[in-house]
Amino acid sequence: MMVAIFVVFKSRYNPNQGTREPEYRTFFIMGIVFIPIGIAAGNSVFWILGLVFLILGITNREKWKSLETSKVNLAEIPHVFTRFF
């Protein structure tokens, strides 16, 4: 799992572009998803990770981007999935 996270971060890094502010709303949504999955599966790692994501998203709620600025271009979605293959 750590290797997958490293690959995702490394593929999104562009030295010419600099760093980007994380989308904290995404952390909040991931937390909401991971907590019930971890509880239902009996896997404490998932629900603890979900709790961390949830807290991270809530504490940075003032930095959430509006829906207009964080819209994803639907034409980019296939490119995201095929980029790793």
Protein backbone atom coordinates (compact mmCIF):
# COMPACT_ATOMS: atom_id res chain seq x y z
CA MET A 1 0.00 0.00 0.00
CA MET A 2 2.84 2.36 0.78
CA VAL A 3 4.37 1.66 -2.63
CA ALA A 4 1.08 2.54 -4.34
CA ILE A 5 0.88 5.82 -2.41
CA PHE A 6 4.48 6.62 -3.35
CA VAL A 7 3.80 5.92 -7.03
CA VAL A 8 0.73 8.16 -7.03
CA PHE A 9 2.55 11.05 -5.35
CA LYS A 10 5.60 10.65 -7.58
CA SER A 11 3.51 10.60 -10.76
CA ARG A 12 1.65 13.77 -9.76
CA TYR A 13 4.81 15.72 -8.92
CA ASN A 14 6.04 18.11 -11.56
CA PRO A 15 9.16 20.06 -10.57
CA ASN A 16 8.30 22.90 -12.96
CA GLN A 17 4.84 23.34 -11.49
CA GLY A 18 5.77 23.42 -7.82
CA THR A 19 3.62 22.02 -5.06
CA ARG A 20 -0.15 22.11 -4.96
CA GLU A 21 -2.44 22.58 -2.00
CA PRO A 22 -4.17 19.29 -1.14
CA GLU A 23 -7.92 19.08 -1.53
CA TYR A 24 -9.04 18.61 2.04
CA ARG A 25 -12.61 17.83 1.00
CA THR A 26 -11.23 14.66 -0.59
CA PHE A 27 -9.64 13.65 2.71
CA PHE A 28 -12.99 14.16 4.41
CA ILE A 29 -14.79 11.98 1.84
CA MET A 30 -12.12 9.29 2.07
CA GLY A 31 -12.55 9.27 5.84
CA ILE A 32 -16.30 8.85 5.53
CA VAL A 33 -15.76 5.91 3.16
CA PHE A 34 -12.91 4.19 5.05
CA ILE A 35 -14.55 4.19 8.49
CA PRO A 36 -17.58 1.99 7.61
CA ILE A 37 -15.47 -0.26 5.38
CA GLY A 38 -13.01 -0.84 8.22
CA ILE A 39 -15.77 -1.49 10.74
CA ALA A 40 -17.65 -3.87 8.40
CA ALA A 41 -14.48 -5.75 7.46
CA GLY A 42 -13.24 -5.85 11.05
CA ASN A 43 -10.03 -4.19 9.92
CA SER A 44 -8.86 -1.62 12.43
CA VAL A 45 -6.27 -0.16 10.03
CA PHE A 46 -8.99 1.05 7.65
CA TRP A 47 -11.21 2.66 10.26
CA ILE A 48 -8.26 4.30 12.03
CA LEU A 49 -6.97 5.60 8.70
CA GLY A 50 -10.51 6.79 7.93
CA LEU A 51 -10.64 8.57 11.25
CA VAL A 52 -7.33 10.30 10.51
CA PHE A 53 -8.56 11.38 7.06
CA LEU A 54 -11.85 12.58 8.53
CA ILE A 55 -10.12 14.67 11.20
CA LEU A 56 -7.68 16.08 8.64
CA GLY A 57 -10.54 17.10 6.37
CA ILE A 58 -12.63 18.64 9.15
CA THR A 59 -9.78 20.60 10.71
CA ASN A 60 -8.97 22.17 7.34
CA ARG A 61 -12.56 22.83 6.33
CA GLU A 62 -11.89 26.52 5.67
CA LYS A 63 -9.42 25.46 2.94
CA TRP A 64 -11.99 23.37 1.03
CA LYS A 65 -12.19 24.44 -2.56
CA SER A 66 -15.55 25.37 -3.97
CA LEU A 67 -17.19 22.96 -6.36
CA GLU A 68 -16.57 25.29 -9.29
CA THR A 69 -12.80 25.32 -8.77
CA SER A 70 -12.42 21.61 -8.08
CA LYS A 71 -14.47 20.25 -10.98
CA VAL A 72 -12.78 17.51 -12.91
CA ASN A 73 -12.83 17.59 -16.65
CA LEU A 74 -14.62 14.37 -17.64
CA ALA A 75 -12.33 13.98 -20.64
CA GLU A 76 -9.35 13.59 -18.26
CA ILE A 77 -10.72 10.60 -16.34
CA PRO A 78 -9.66 7.88 -18.84
CA HIS A 79 -6.18 9.40 -18.99
CA VAL A 80 -5.80 9.16 -15.22
CA PHE A 81 -6.51 5.42 -15.23
CA THR A 82 -4.42 4.61 -18.30
CA ARG A 83 -1.45 6.65 -17.10
CA PHE A 84 -0.44 3.88 -14.69
CA PHE A 85 -0.54 1.08 -17.27
